[in-house]
Amino acid sequence: AEDLQACGYQLGFGTVCGYASGFAMKKFGAFVAFTVGSGFIALQSLQYMGYLNVNWRKVERDYTKMMDLDGDGVITANDVNLWHHKVQDILKFDLPAGLGFTSGWILGI
C-alpha cells in the first residue's frame, strides 16, 4: 500500500511539474516569437531606410548551424522533434516520475 501511495505521489508530482513546465514553455515561446518578430521588423525597417545593412544569408547560415541537430544542413520537423526531446530530457532529468512529467508537459503545451 505504501508503494502504491508513493507511486501516486510521484506521478502526481511529475504531472504537476510537467504541466507547469509545458505552460511556461508555451508562454516563453510566444515571448520569443514576439521578440524575434519585433527585432526583424526593426532591422528590416532600418535596412530599408539605409541606416544599416544586414547580411541575411549569414544570419540564415548561423541560425541553421545552431538549430540543425540532425546535421542534414536544413531545419526540418525532425530538428524540431529533436529539440523538443532535448528540452524534455533536461527538464525531467532525475525527476522521480518521468511518465507523469511527460503527460503533464503535453497537457501544458
PDB file of N, CA and C in Angstrom:
ATOM      1  N   ALA A   1       0.825  -1.196   0.000  1.00  0.00           N
ATOM      2  CA  ALA A   1       0.000   0.000   0.000  1.00  0.00           C
ATOM      3  C   ALA A   1       0.867   1.257   0.000  1.00  0.00           C
ATOM      4  N   GLU A   2       1.968   1.205   0.772  1.00  0.00           N
ATOM      5  CA  GLU A   2       2.851   2.377   0.812  1.00  0.00           C
ATOM      6  C   GLU A   2       3.511   2.616  -0.547  1.00  0.00           C
ATOM      7  N   ASP A   3       3.864   1.508  -1.228  1.00  0.00           N
ATOM      8  CA  ASP A   3       4.470   1.642  -2.552  1.00  0.00           C
ATOM      9  C   ASP A   3       3.503   2.283  -3.526  1.00  0.00           C
ATOM     10  N   LEU A   4       2.235   1.894  -3.443  1.00  0.00           N
ATOM     11  CA  LEU A   4       1.214   2.461  -4.322  1.00  0.00           C
ATOM     12  C   LEU A   4       1.007   3.942  -4.031  1.00  0.00           C
ATOM     13  N   GLN A   5       1.023   4.301  -2.752  1.00  0.00           N
ATOM     14  CA  GLN A   5       0.870   5.702  -2.365  1.00  0.00           C
ATOM     15  C   GLN A   5       2.063   6.525  -2.863  1.00  0.00           C
ATOM     16  N   ALA A   6       3.271   6.003  -2.708  1.00  0.00           N
ATOM     17  CA  ALA A   6       4.476   6.708  -3.173  1.00  0.00           C
ATOM     18  C   ALA A   6       4.447   6.865  -4.685  1.00  0.00           C
ATOM     19  N   CYS A   7       3.993   5.829  -5.389  1.00  0.00           N
ATOM     20  CA  CYS A   7       3.893   5.889  -6.841  1.00  0.00           C
ATOM     21  C   CYS A   7       2.893   6.963  -7.260  1.00  0.00           C
ATOM     22  N   GLY A   8       1.745   7.009  -6.565  1.00  0.00           N
ATOM     23  CA  GLY A   8       0.742   8.031  -6.865  1.00  0.00           C
ATOM     24  C   GLY A   8       1.261   9.429  -6.617  1.00  0.00           C
ATOM     25  N   TYR A   9       2.001   9.601  -5.517  1.00  0.00           N
ATOM     26  CA  TYR A   9       2.595  10.901  -5.211  1.00  0.00           C
ATOM     27  C   TYR A   9       3.580  11.314  -6.299  1.00  0.00           C
ATOM     28  N   GLN A  10       4.462  10.398  -6.692  1.00  0.00           N
ATOM     29  CA  GLN A  10       5.456  10.712  -7.718  1.00  0.00           C
ATOM     30  C   GLN A  10       4.791  11.036  -9.042  1.00  0.00           C
ATOM     31  N   LEU A  11       3.774  10.267  -9.407  1.00  0.00           N
ATOM     32  CA  LEU A  11       3.068  10.502 -10.661  1.00  0.00           C
ATOM     33  C   LEU A  11       2.374  11.860 -10.632  1.00  0.00           C
ATOM     34  N   GLY A  12       1.729  12.176  -9.517  1.00  0.00           N
ATOM     35  CA  GLY A  12       1.060  13.475  -9.387  1.00  0.00           C
ATOM     36  C   GLY A  12       2.048  14.620  -9.415  1.00  0.00           C
ATOM     37  N   PHE A  13       3.144  14.460  -8.686  1.00  0.00           N
ATOM     38  CA  PHE A  13       4.178  15.496  -8.654  1.00  0.00           C
ATOM     39  C   PHE A  13       4.771  15.711 -10.045  1.00  0.00           C
ATOM     40  N   GLY A  14       5.075  14.608 -10.725  1.00  0.00           N
ATOM     41  CA  GLY A  14       5.624  14.705 -12.076  1.00  0.00           C
ATOM     42  C   GLY A  14       4.658  15.370 -13.031  1.00  0.00           C
ATOM     43  N   THR A  15       3.359  15.049 -12.907  1.00  0.00           N
ATOM     44  CA  THR A  15       2.355  15.646 -13.776  1.00  0.00           C
ATOM     45  C   THR A  15       2.244  17.143 -13.547  1.00  0.00           C
ATOM     46  N   VAL A  16       2.222  17.552 -12.286  1.00  0.00           N
ATOM     47  CA  VAL A  16       2.142  18.984 -11.964  1.00  0.00           C
ATOM     48  C   VAL A  16       3.369  19.719 -12.488  1.00  0.00           C
ATOM     49  N   CYS A  17       4.552  19.150 -12.268  1.00  0.00           N
ATOM     50  CA  CYS A  17       5.789  19.781 -12.770  1.00  0.00           C
ATOM     51  C   CYS A  17       5.789  19.839 -14.296  1.00  0.00           C
ATOM     52  N   GLY A  18       5.334  18.762 -14.929  1.00  0.00           N
ATOM     53  CA  GLY A  18       5.278  18.734 -16.389  1.00  0.00           C
ATOM     54  C   GLY A  18       4.309  19.754 -16.939  1.00  0.00           C
ATOM     55  N   TYR A  19       3.131  19.843 -16.334  1.00  0.00           N
ATOM     56  CA  TYR A  19       2.137  20.817 -16.796  1.00  0.00           C
ATOM     57  C   TYR A  19       2.660  22.240 -16.655  1.00  0.00           C
ATOM     58  N   ALA A  20       3.220  22.536 -15.487  1.00  0.00           N
ATOM     59  CA  ALA A  20       3.747  23.883 -15.249  1.00  0.00           C
ATOM     60  C   ALA A  20       4.881  24.211 -16.229  1.00  0.00           C
ATOM     61  N   SER A  21       5.745  23.234 -16.476  1.00  0.00           N
ATOM     62  CA  SER A  21       6.852  23.452 -17.422  1.00  0.00           C
ATOM     63  C   SER A  21       6.338  23.651 -18.837  1.00  0.00           C
ATOM     64  N   GLY A  22       5.380  22.831 -19.245  1.00  0.00           N
ATOM     65  CA  GLY A  22       4.797  22.970 -20.578  1.00  0.00           C
ATOM     66  C   GLY A  22       4.106  24.304 -20.755  1.00  0.00           C
ATOM     67  N   PHE A  23       3.355  24.718 -19.742  1.00  0.00           N
ATOM     68  CA  PHE A  23       2.672  26.012 -19.784  1.00  0.00           C
ATOM     69  C   PHE A  23       3.682  27.153 -19.890  1.00  0.00           C
ATOM     70  N   ALA A  24       4.746  27.066 -19.071  1.00  0.00           N
ATOM     71  CA  ALA A  24       5.785  28.103 -19.107  1.00  0.00           C
ATOM     72  C   ALA A  24       6.484  28.135 -20.462  1.00  0.00           C
ATOM     73  N   MET A  25       6.752  26.960 -21.047  1.00  0.00           N
ATOM     74  CA  MET A  25       7.401  26.919 -22.362  1.00  0.00           C
ATOM     75  C   MET A  25       6.506  27.524 -23.444  1.00  0.00           C
ATOM     76  N   LYS A  26       5.199  27.304 -23.329  1.00  0.00           N
ATOM     77  CA  LYS A  26       4.279  27.886 -24.299  1.00  0.00           C
ATOM     78  C   LYS A  26       4.333  29.415 -24.215  1.00  0.00           C
ATOM     79  N   LYS A  27       4.317  29.941 -23.011  1.00  0.00           N
ATOM     80  CA  LYS A  27       4.395  31.399 -22.820  1.00  0.00           C
ATOM     81  C   LYS A  27       5.757  31.927 -23.267  1.00  0.00           C
ATOM     82  N   PHE A  28       6.824  31.193 -22.929  1.00  0.00           N
ATOM     83  CA  PHE A  28       8.170  31.597 -23.332  1.00  0.00           C
ATOM     84  C   PHE A  28       8.288  31.590 -24.856  1.00  0.00           C
ATOM     85  N   GLY A  29       7.706  30.579 -25.502  1.00  0.00           N
ATOM     86  CA  GLY A  29       7.716  30.512 -26.964  1.00  0.00           C
ATOM     87  C   GLY A  29       7.026  31.707 -27.592  1.00  0.00           C
ATOM     88  N   ALA A  30       5.904  32.122 -27.015  1.00  0.00           N
ATOM     89  CA  ALA A  30       5.195  33.298 -27.525  1.00  0.00           C
ATOM     90  C   ALA A  30       6.056  34.551 -27.353  1.00  0.00           C
ATOM     91  N   PHE A  31       6.731  34.660 -26.204  1.00  0.00           N
ATOM     92  CA  PHE A  31       7.616  35.796 -25.962  1.00  0.00           C
ATOM     93  C   PHE A  31       8.774  35.822 -26.957  1.00  0.00           C
ATOM     94  N   VAL A  32       9.375  34.660 -27.205  1.00  0.00           N
ATOM     95  CA  VAL A  32      10.484  34.571 -28.158  1.00  0.00           C
ATOM     96  C   VAL A  32      10.006  34.945 -29.558  1.00  0.00           C
ATOM     97  N   ALA A  33       8.835  34.441 -29.956  1.00  0.00           N
ATOM     98  CA  ALA A  33       8.292  34.771 -31.274  1.00  0.00           C
ATOM     99  C   ALA A  33       8.047  36.270 -31.393  1.00  0.00           C
ATOM    100  N   PHE A  34       7.501  36.886 -30.355  1.00  0.00           N
ATOM    101  CA  PHE A  34       7.271  38.329 -30.369  1.00  0.00           C
ATOM    102  C   PHE A  34       8.590  39.092 -30.473  1.00  0.00           C
ATOM    103  N   THR A  35       9.582  38.671 -29.688  1.00  0.00           N
ATOM    104  CA  THR A  35      10.883  39.347 -29.680  1.00  0.00           C
ATOM    105  C   THR A  35      11.589  39.218 -31.026  1.00  0.00           C
ATOM    106  N   VAL A  36      11.618  38.011 -31.570  1.00  0.00           N
ATOM    107  CA  VAL A  36      12.279  37.794 -32.864  1.00  0.00           C
ATOM    108  C   VAL A  36      11.536  38.555 -33.968  1.00  0.00           C
ATOM    109  N   GLY A  37      10.224  38.492 -33.950  1.00  0.00           N
ATOM    110  CA  GLY A  37       9.440  39.214 -34.960  1.00  0.00           C
ATOM    111  C   GLY A  37       9.641  40.715 -34.875  1.00  0.00           C
ATOM    112  N   SER A  38       9.634  41.249 -33.666  1.00  0.00           N
ATOM    113  CA  SER A  38       9.846  42.693 -33.483  1.00  0.00           C
ATOM    114  C   SER A  38      11.255  43.091 -33.912  1.00  0.00           C
ATOM    115  N   GLY A  39      12.230  42.260 -33.560  1.00  0.00           N
ATOM    116  CA  GLY A  39      13.612  42.543 -33.970  1.00  0.00           C
ATOM    117  C   GLY A  39      13.759  42.535 -35.477  1.00  0.00           C
ATOM    118  N   PHE A  40      13.110  41.564 -36.137  1.00  0.00           N
ATOM    119  CA  PHE A  40      13.162  41.507 -37.596  1.00  0.00           C
ATOM    120  C   PHE A  40      12.533  42.753 -38.215  1.00  0.00           C
ATOM    121  N   ILE A  41      11.390  43.158 -37.709  1.00  0.00           N
ATOM    122  CA  ILE A  41      10.726  44.354 -38.239  1.00  0.00           C
ATOM    123  C   ILE A  41      11.624  45.571 -38.071  1.00  0.00           C
ATOM    124  N   ALA A  42      12.249  45.710 -36.903  1.00  0.00           N
ATOM    125  CA  ALA A  42      13.133  46.854 -36.654  1.00  0.00           C
ATOM    126  C   ALA A  42      14.344  46.825 -37.583  1.00  0.00           C
ATOM    127  N   LEU A  43      15.009  45.674 -37.676  1.00  0.00           N
ATOM    128  CA  LEU A  43      16.195  45.580 -38.536  1.00  0.00           C
ATOM    129  C   LEU A  43      15.848  45.819 -40.001  1.00  0.00           C
ATOM    130  N   GLN A  44      14.774  45.220 -40.446  1.00  0.00           N
ATOM    131  CA  GLN A  44      14.386  45.360 -41.852  1.00  0.00           C
ATOM    132  C   GLN A  44      14.000  46.803 -42.166  1.00  0.00           C
ATOM    133  N   SER A  45      13.336  47.476 -41.230  1.00  0.00           N
ATOM    134  CA  SER A  45      12.963  48.882 -41.428  1.00  0.00           C
ATOM    135  C   SER A  45      14.199  49.766 -41.499  1.00  0.00           C
ATOM    136  N   LEU A  46      15.155  49.532 -40.578  1.00  0.00           N
ATOM    137  CA  LEU A  46      16.390  50.322 -40.592  1.00  0.00           C
ATOM    138  C   LEU A  46      17.199  50.054 -41.860  1.00  0.00           C
ATOM    139  N   GLN A  47      17.191  48.812 -42.320  1.00  0.00           N
ATOM    140  CA  GLN A  47      17.883  48.484 -43.565  1.00  0.00           C
ATOM    141  C   GLN A  47      17.209  49.171 -44.750  1.00  0.00           C
ATOM    142  N   TYR A  48      15.895  49.164 -44.779  1.00  0.00           N
ATOM    143  CA  TYR A  48      15.138  49.796 -45.864  1.00  0.00           C
ATOM    144  C   TYR A  48      15.413  51.300 -45.930  1.00  0.00           C
ATOM    145  N   MET A  49      15.564  51.919 -44.735  1.00  0.00           N
ATOM    146  CA  MET A  49      15.821  53.362 -44.695  1.00  0.00           C
ATOM    147  C   MET A  49      17.291  53.694 -44.914  1.00  0.00           C
ATOM    148  N   GLY A  50      18.144  52.691 -45.053  1.00  0.00           N
ATOM    149  CA  GLY A  50      19.549  52.921 -45.364  1.00  0.00           C
ATOM    150  C   GLY A  50      20.453  53.127 -44.164  1.00  0.00           C
ATOM    151  N   TYR A  51      19.971  52.871 -42.970  1.00  0.00           N
ATOM    152  CA  TYR A  51      20.783  53.070 -41.775  1.00  0.00           C
ATOM    153  C   TYR A  51      21.759  51.925 -41.516  1.00  0.00           C
ATOM    154  N   LEU A  52      21.420  50.739 -41.985  1.00  0.00           N
ATOM    155  CA  LEU A  52      22.321  49.614 -41.796  1.00  0.00           C
ATOM    156  C   LEU A  52      22.105  48.594 -42.901  1.00  0.00           C
ATOM    157  N   ASN A  53      23.024  47.655 -42.964  1.00  0.00           N
ATOM    158  CA  ASN A  53      22.943  46.587 -43.965  1.00  0.00           C
ATOM    159  C   ASN A  53      23.077  45.246 -43.233  1.00  0.00           C
ATOM    160  N   VAL A  54      22.036  44.428 -43.324  1.00  0.00           N
ATOM    161  CA  VAL A  54      22.027  43.132 -42.641  1.00  0.00           C
ATOM    162  C   VAL A  54      22.361  42.043 -43.658  1.00  0.00           C
ATOM    163  N   ASN A  55      23.322  41.211 -43.325  1.00  0.00           N
ATOM    164  CA  ASN A  55      23.687  40.081 -44.173  1.00  0.00           C
ATOM    165  C   ASN A  55      22.783  38.903 -43.797  1.00  0.00           C
ATOM    166  N   TRP A  56      21.589  38.851 -44.411  1.00  0.00           N
ATOM    167  CA  TRP A  56      20.597  37.835 -44.055  1.00  0.00           C
ATOM    168  C   TRP A  56      21.075  36.429 -44.394  1.00  0.00           C
ATOM    169  N   ARG A  57      21.910  36.284 -45.410  1.00  0.00           N
ATOM    170  CA  ARG A  57      22.446  34.958 -45.728  1.00  0.00           C
ATOM    171  C   ARG A  57      23.313  34.427 -44.583  1.00  0.00           C
ATOM    172  N   LYS A  58      24.119  35.311 -43.990  1.00  0.00           N
ATOM    173  CA  LYS A  58      24.943  34.912 -42.845  1.00  0.00           C
ATOM    174  C   LYS A  58      24.058  34.586 -41.640  1.00  0.00           C
ATOM    175  N   VAL A  59      23.039  35.387 -41.426  1.00  0.00           N
ATOM    176  CA  VAL A  59      22.102  35.118 -40.327  1.00  0.00           C
ATOM    177  C   VAL A  59      21.475  33.739 -40.515  1.00  0.00           C
ATOM    178  N   GLU A  60      21.047  33.436 -41.737  1.00  0.00           N
ATOM    179  CA  GLU A  60      20.431  32.140 -42.020  1.00  0.00           C
ATOM    180  C   GLU A  60      21.423  30.990 -41.814  1.00  0.00           C
ATOM    181  N   ARG A  61      22.648  31.156 -42.280  1.00  0.00           N
ATOM    182  CA  ARG A  61      23.665  30.113 -42.102  1.00  0.00           C
ATOM    183  C   ARG A  61      23.944  29.857 -40.623  1.00  0.00           C
ATOM    184  N   ASP A  62      24.103  30.932 -39.865  1.00  0.00           N
ATOM    185  CA  ASP A  62      24.386  30.797 -38.435  1.00  0.00           C
ATOM    186  C   ASP A  62      23.204  30.164 -37.694  1.00  0.00           C
ATOM    187  N   TYR A  63      22.002  30.568 -38.053  1.00  0.00           N
ATOM    188  CA  TYR A  63      20.801  30.005 -37.434  1.00  0.00           C
ATOM    189  C   TYR A  63      20.690  28.508 -37.747  1.00  0.00           C
ATOM    190  N   THR A  64      20.928  28.164 -39.005  1.00  0.00           N
ATOM    191  CA  THR A  64      20.838  26.759 -39.408  1.00  0.00           C
ATOM    192  C   THR A  64      21.880  25.929 -38.679  1.00  0.00           C
ATOM    193  N   LYS A  65      23.097  26.454 -38.564  1.00  0.00           N
ATOM    194  CA  LYS A  65      24.169  25.725 -37.869  1.00  0.00           C
ATOM    195  C   LYS A  65      23.789  25.472 -36.409  1.00  0.00           C
ATOM    196  N   MET A  66      23.163  26.450 -35.774  1.00  0.00           N
ATOM    197  CA  MET A  66      22.807  26.338 -34.367  1.00  0.00           C
ATOM    198  C   MET A  66      21.610  25.400 -34.149  1.00  0.00           C
ATOM    199  N   MET A  67      20.618  25.438 -35.036  1.00  0.00           N
ATOM    200  CA  MET A  67      19.362  24.720 -34.811  1.00  0.00           C
ATOM    201  C   MET A  67      19.289  23.345 -35.467  1.00  0.00           C
ATOM    202  N   ASP A  68      20.209  23.031 -36.366  1.00  0.00           N
ATOM    203  CA  ASP A  68      20.173  21.773 -37.124  1.00  0.00           C
ATOM    204  C   ASP A  68      20.795  20.641 -36.312  1.00  0.00           C
ATOM    205  N   LEU A  69      19.981  19.998 -35.482  1.00  0.00           N
ATOM    206  CA  LEU A  69      20.503  18.949 -34.607  1.00  0.00           C
ATOM    207  C   LEU A  69      20.826  17.653 -35.334  1.00  0.00           C
ATOM    208  N   ASP A  70      20.140  17.356 -36.441  1.00  0.00           N
ATOM    209  CA  ASP A  70      20.419  16.093 -37.134  1.00  0.00           C
ATOM    210  C   ASP A  70      21.529  16.223 -38.168  1.00  0.00           C
ATOM    211  N   GLY A  71      22.041  17.450 -38.369  1.00  0.00           N
ATOM    212  CA  GLY A  71      23.211  17.661 -39.205  1.00  0.00           C
ATOM    213  C   GLY A  71      22.996  17.502 -40.696  1.00  0.00           C
ATOM    214  N   ASP A  72      21.739  17.602 -41.172  1.00  0.00           N
ATOM    215  CA  ASP A  72      21.489  17.442 -42.604  1.00  0.00           C
ATOM    216  C   ASP A  72      21.572  18.759 -43.379  1.00  0.00           C
ATOM    217  N   GLY A  73      21.846  19.872 -42.687  1.00  0.00           N
ATOM    218  CA  GLY A  73      22.032  21.154 -43.365  1.00  0.00           C
ATOM    219  C   GLY A  73      20.770  21.975 -43.536  1.00  0.00           C
ATOM    220  N   VAL A  74      19.618  21.450 -43.144  1.00  0.00           N
ATOM    221  CA  VAL A  74      18.360  22.193 -43.220  1.00  0.00           C
ATOM    222  C   VAL A  74      17.572  21.970 -41.926  1.00  0.00           C
ATOM    223  N   ILE A  75      16.738  22.947 -41.609  1.00  0.00           N
ATOM    224  CA  ILE A  75      15.877  22.828 -40.439  1.00  0.00           C
ATOM    225  C   ILE A  75      14.593  22.135 -40.887  1.00  0.00           C
ATOM    226  N   THR A  76      14.328  20.972 -40.296  1.00  0.00           N
ATOM    227  CA  THR A  76      13.148  20.186 -40.657  1.00  0.00           C
ATOM    228  C   THR A  76      12.334  19.863 -39.409  1.00  0.00           C
ATOM    229  N   ALA A  77      11.218  19.188 -39.622  1.00  0.00           N
ATOM    230  CA  ALA A  77      10.384  18.762 -38.498  1.00  0.00           C
ATOM    231  C   ALA A  77      11.174  17.833 -37.574  1.00  0.00           C
ATOM    232  N   ASN A  78      12.098  17.078 -38.132  1.00  0.00           N
ATOM    233  CA  ASN A  78      12.924  16.198 -37.309  1.00  0.00           C
ATOM    234  C   ASN A  78      13.769  17.005 -36.324  1.00  0.00           C
ATOM    235  N   ASP A  79      14.300  18.153 -36.750  1.00  0.00           N
ATOM    236  CA  ASP A  79      15.078  19.003 -35.845  1.00  0.00           C
ATOM    237  C   ASP A  79      14.204  19.544 -34.723  1.00  0.00           C
ATOM    238  N   VAL A  80      12.995  19.953 -35.065  1.00  0.00           N
ATOM    239  CA  VAL A  80      12.060  20.445 -34.046  1.00  0.00           C
ATOM    240  C   VAL A  80      11.776  19.340 -33.041  1.00  0.00           C
ATOM    241  N   ASN A  81      11.545  18.131 -33.526  1.00  0.00           N
ATOM    242  CA  ASN A  81      11.290  16.993 -32.654  1.00  0.00           C
ATOM    243  C   ASN A  81      12.503  16.707 -31.762  1.00  0.00           C
ATOM    244  N   LEU A  82      13.696  16.776 -32.333  1.00  0.00           N
ATOM    245  CA  LEU A  82      14.911  16.554 -31.538  1.00  0.00           C
ATOM    246  C   LEU A  82      15.068  17.617 -30.450  1.00  0.00           C
ATOM    247  N   TRP A  83      14.798  18.879 -30.784  1.00  0.00           N
ATOM    248  CA  TRP A  83      14.864  19.948 -29.793  1.00  0.00           C
ATOM    249  C   TRP A  83      13.834  19.722 -28.693  1.00  0.00           C
ATOM    250  N   HIS A  84      12.627  19.311 -29.103  1.00  0.00           N
ATOM    251  CA  HIS A  84      11.566  19.051 -28.133  1.00  0.00           C
ATOM    252  C   HIS A  84      12.005  17.981 -27.140  1.00  0.00           C
ATOM    253  N   HIS A  85      12.561  16.889 -27.644  1.00  0.00           N
ATOM    254  CA  HIS A  85      13.020  15.813 -26.770  1.00  0.00           C
ATOM    255  C   HIS A  85      14.210  16.242 -25.911  1.00  0.00           C
ATOM    256  N   LYS A  86      15.082  17.056 -26.469  1.00  0.00           N
ATOM    257  CA  LYS A  86      16.242  17.536 -25.706  1.00  0.00           C
ATOM    258  C   LYS A  86      15.784  18.386 -24.517  1.00  0.00           C
ATOM    259  N   VAL A  87      14.841  19.286 -24.762  1.00  0.00           N
ATOM    260  CA  VAL A  87      14.320  20.135 -23.683  1.00  0.00           C
ATOM    261  C   VAL A  87      13.619  19.279 -22.636  1.00  0.00           C
ATOM    262  N   GLN A  88      12.815  18.319 -23.091  1.00  0.00           N
ATOM    263  CA  GLN A  88      12.131  17.420 -22.152  1.00  0.00           C
ATOM    264  C   GLN A  88      13.121  16.618 -21.315  1.00  0.00           C
ATOM    265  N   ASP A  89      14.151  16.112 -21.936  1.00  0.00           N
ATOM    266  CA  ASP A  89      15.163  15.348 -21.198  1.00  0.00           C
ATOM    267  C   ASP A  89      15.824  16.193 -20.117  1.00  0.00           C
ATOM    268  N   ILE A  90      16.098  17.448 -20.446  1.00  0.00           N
ATOM    269  CA  ILE A  90      16.720  18.344 -19.469  1.00  0.00           C
ATOM    270  C   ILE A  90      15.768  18.598 -18.302  1.00  0.00           C
ATOM    271  N   LEU A  91      14.491  18.863 -18.619  1.00  0.00           N
ATOM    272  CA  LEU A  91      13.536  19.218 -17.571  1.00  0.00           C
ATOM    273  C   LEU A  91      13.142  18.037 -16.687  1.00  0.00           C
ATOM    274  N   LYS A  92      13.166  16.833 -17.224  1.00  0.00           N
ATOM    275  CA  LYS A  92      12.783  15.692 -16.393  1.00  0.00           C
ATOM    276  C   LYS A  92      13.993  14.915 -15.850  1.00  0.00           C
ATOM    277  N   PHE A  93      15.184  15.467 -16.007  1.00  0.00           N
ATOM    278  CA  PHE A  93      16.389  14.822 -15.509  1.00  0.00           C
ATOM    279  C   PHE A  93      16.275  14.574 -13.999  1.00  0.00           C
ATOM    280  N   ASP A  94      16.468  13.352 -13.604  1.00  0.00           N
ATOM    281  CA  ASP A  94      16.487  12.931 -12.199  1.00  0.00           C
ATOM    282  C   ASP A  94      15.159  13.171 -11.487  1.00  0.00           C
ATOM    283  N   LEU A  95      14.089  13.379 -12.236  1.00  0.00           N
ATOM    284  CA  LEU A  95      12.754  13.526 -11.655  1.00  0.00           C
ATOM    285  C   LEU A  95      12.194  12.134 -11.398  1.00  0.00           C
ATOM    286  N   PRO A  96      11.605  11.879 -10.236  1.00  0.00           N
ATOM    287  CA  PRO A  96      11.181  10.526  -9.913  1.00  0.00           C
ATOM    288  C   PRO A  96      10.069   9.968 -10.800  1.00  0.00           C
ATOM    289  N   ALA A  97       9.281  10.797 -11.428  1.00  0.00           N
ATOM    290  CA  ALA A  97       8.156  10.296 -12.225  1.00  0.00           C
ATOM    291  C   ALA A  97       8.180  10.907 -13.619  1.00  0.00           C
ATOM    292  N   GLY A  98       9.003  10.351 -14.487  1.00  0.00           N
ATOM    293  CA  GLY A  98       9.128  10.881 -15.850  1.00  0.00           C
ATOM    294  C   GLY A  98       7.863  10.747 -16.663  1.00  0.00           C
ATOM    295  N   LEU A  99       7.121   9.649 -16.486  1.00  0.00           N
ATOM    296  CA  LEU A  99       5.882   9.454 -17.234  1.00  0.00           C
ATOM    297  C   LEU A  99       4.866  10.518 -16.862  1.00  0.00           C
ATOM    298  N   GLY A 100       4.734  10.803 -15.583  1.00  0.00           N
ATOM    299  CA  GLY A 100       3.822  11.859 -15.151  1.00  0.00           C
ATOM    300  C   GLY A 100       4.228  13.200 -15.726  1.00  0.00           C
ATOM    301  N   PHE A 101       5.530  13.450 -15.750  1.00  0.00           N
ATOM    302  CA  PHE A 101       6.028  14.712 -16.303  1.00  0.00           C
ATOM    303  C   PHE A 101       5.635  14.842 -17.757  1.00  0.00           C
ATOM    304  N   THR A 102       5.835  13.787 -18.537  1.00  0.00           N
ATOM    305  CA  THR A 102       5.545  13.836 -19.969  1.00  0.00           C
ATOM    306  C   THR A 102       4.069  14.078 -20.220  1.00  0.00           C
ATOM    307  N   SER A 103       3.207  13.403 -19.485  1.00  0.00           N
ATOM    308  CA  SER A 103       1.773  13.629 -19.687  1.00  0.00           C
ATOM    309  C   SER A 103       1.377  15.048 -19.276  1.00  0.00           C
ATOM    310  N   GLY A 104       1.936  15.550 -18.199  1.00  0.00           N
ATOM    311  CA  GLY A 104       1.670  16.933 -17.787  1.00  0.00           C
ATOM    312  C   GLY A 104       2.202  17.932 -18.800  1.00  0.00           C
ATOM    313  N   TRP A 105       3.388  17.650 -19.335  1.00  0.00           N
ATOM    314  CA  TRP A 105       4.000  18.517 -20.352  1.00  0.00           C
ATOM    315  C   TRP A 105       3.078  18.654 -21.567  1.00  0.00           C
ATOM    316  N   ILE A 106       2.545  17.532 -22.011  1.00  0.00           N
ATOM    317  CA  ILE A 106       1.651  17.536 -23.179  1.00  0.00           C
ATOM    318  C   ILE A 106       0.402  18.353 -22.880  1.00  0.00           C
ATOM    319  N   LEU A 107      -0.139  18.210 -21.680  1.00  0.00           N
ATOM    320  CA  LEU A 107      -1.318  18.988 -21.299  1.00  0.00           C
ATOM    321  C   LEU A 107      -0.996  20.487 -21.206  1.00  0.00           C
ATOM    322  N   GLY A 108       0.193  20.810 -20.717  1.00  0.00           N
ATOM    323  CA  GLY A 108       0.585  22.212 -20.542  1.00  0.00           C
ATOM    324  C   GLY A 108       0.854  22.949 -21.826  1.00  0.00           C
ATOM    325  N   ILE A 109       1.373  22.222 -22.814  1.00  0.00           N
ATOM    326  CA  ILE A 109       1.670  22.867 -24.099  1.00  0.00           C
ATOM    327  C   ILE A 109       0.402  22.957 -24.880  1.00  0.00           C
TER     328      ILE A 109
END
